[in-house]
Amino acid sequence: MLWEELEEEVIVEEDIEDSDIGERSQLIVYNDDHNTFDWVIDSFIEVLDHSQAQAEQLAMIIHFKGKATVKTAPKNVLKPKKDALIDRGLSAVIEEVG
């Protein structure tokens, strides 16, 4: 009985480590002169799971303001998304909130 209780505790701890718990961070994308609006919009839809409207709005904000926060989540969630955007030629960084 005791072993089963210990096993459950370990599983719960592993689940917590691999979950989305963590410091909130922002994925920021910067404007550039290389990527088209369509490419940026498609990238936001495919990588970030944004809707068409949300992706279009973010692309416009980035164009006019120079940058925008495109996703807020724990850093471990944002890292692969940032890497995917960079692989597509976008300029993206992660900054901690706070």
Protein backbone atom coordinates (compact mmCIF):
# COMPACT_ATOMS: atom_id res chain seq x y z
CA MET A 1 0.00 0.00 0.00
CA LEU A 2 2.76 2.44 0.91
CA TRP A 3 4.60 1.80 -2.38
CA GLU A 4 1.47 2.65 -4.39
CA GLU A 5 1.15 5.95 -2.52
CA LEU A 6 4.80 6.81 -3.23
CA GLU A 7 4.36 5.91 -6.87
CA GLU A 8 1.37 8.24 -7.16
CA GLU A 9 3.31 11.09 -5.56
CA VAL A 10 6.21 10.68 -8.01
CA ILE A 11 3.86 10.65 -10.97
CA VAL A 12 2.19 13.84 -9.76
CA GLU A 13 5.57 15.56 -9.30
CA GLU A 14 6.71 14.55 -12.79
CA ASP A 15 3.43 15.83 -14.25
CA ILE A 16 3.93 19.17 -12.52
CA GLU A 17 7.48 19.55 -13.84
CA ASP A 18 6.39 18.90 -17.42
CA SER A 19 3.24 21.00 -17.25
CA ASP A 20 2.67 24.63 -18.17
CA ILE A 21 3.42 25.84 -14.64
CA GLY A 22 6.14 28.46 -14.61
CA GLU A 23 6.98 32.11 -14.96
CA ARG A 24 4.88 33.89 -17.54
CA SER A 25 6.84 35.09 -20.52
CA GLN A 26 6.03 36.93 -23.72
CA LEU A 27 6.89 35.87 -27.25
CA ILE A 28 7.66 39.08 -29.12
CA VAL A 29 8.01 39.37 -32.89
CA TYR A 30 9.80 42.33 -34.49
CA ASN A 31 9.13 43.99 -37.80
CA ASP A 32 11.50 43.36 -40.69
CA ASP A 33 11.80 44.27 -44.35
CA HIS A 34 12.07 40.69 -45.61
CA ASN A 35 8.87 38.80 -44.84
CA THR A 36 5.54 39.41 -46.54
CA PHE A 37 2.33 39.98 -44.62
CA ASP A 38 0.98 36.68 -45.95
CA TRP A 39 4.05 34.76 -44.74
CA VAL A 40 3.85 36.31 -41.27
CA ILE A 41 0.11 35.69 -41.03
CA ASP A 42 0.48 32.07 -42.19
CA SER A 43 3.31 31.58 -39.68
CA PHE A 44 1.19 32.87 -36.80
CA ILE A 45 -1.69 30.59 -37.81
CA GLU A 46 0.48 27.49 -38.25
CA VAL A 47 2.94 27.94 -35.38
CA LEU A 48 0.86 29.79 -32.79
CA ASP A 49 -2.60 28.43 -33.67
CA HIS A 50 -3.96 31.97 -34.04
CA SER A 51 -7.13 32.66 -36.00
CA GLN A 52 -6.87 34.42 -39.36
CA ALA A 53 -8.21 37.66 -37.85
CA GLN A 54 -5.85 37.54 -34.87
CA ALA A 55 -2.85 36.81 -37.10
CA GLU A 56 -3.76 39.70 -39.43
CA GLN A 57 -4.15 42.13 -36.52
CA LEU A 58 -0.79 41.14 -35.05
CA ALA A 59 0.92 41.51 -38.43
CA MET A 60 -0.48 45.04 -38.73
CA ILE A 61 0.57 45.98 -35.19
CA ILE A 62 4.09 44.67 -35.85
CA HIS A 63 4.25 46.61 -39.11
CA PHE A 64 3.18 49.93 -37.60
CA LYS A 65 4.61 49.68 -34.06
CA GLY A 66 7.77 47.72 -34.85
CA LYS A 67 6.98 44.79 -32.58
CA ALA A 68 4.16 42.99 -30.78
CA THR A 69 3.63 40.34 -28.16
CA VAL A 70 2.16 37.44 -30.13
CA LYS A 71 1.79 34.90 -27.30
CA THR A 72 2.03 34.84 -23.50
CA ALA A 73 2.79 31.55 -21.74
CA PRO A 74 5.47 29.89 -19.64
CA LYS A 75 8.93 30.04 -21.23
CA ASN A 76 9.10 26.28 -21.79
CA VAL A 77 5.92 26.50 -23.89
CA LEU A 78 7.13 29.52 -25.88
CA LYS A 79 10.64 28.25 -26.68
CA PRO A 80 9.67 25.77 -29.44
CA LYS A 81 7.27 28.33 -30.91
CA LYS A 82 10.00 30.99 -30.96
CA ASP A 83 12.39 28.53 -32.61
CA ALA A 84 9.78 27.66 -35.24
CA LEU A 85 9.18 31.34 -36.04
CA ILE A 86 12.93 31.95 -36.31
CA ASP A 87 13.23 28.93 -38.62
CA ARG A 88 10.66 30.68 -40.83
CA GLY A 89 12.81 33.81 -40.96
CA LEU A 90 10.93 35.93 -38.42
CA SER A 91 12.68 37.92 -35.70
CA ALA A 92 11.37 36.65 -32.36
CA VAL A 93 12.50 36.75 -28.73
CA ILE A 94 11.15 35.63 -25.37
CA GLU A 95 10.99 38.11 -22.50
CA GLU A 96 9.92 37.35 -18.96
CA VAL A 97 6.87 39.25 -17.70
CA GLY A 98 7.36 41.34 -14.62
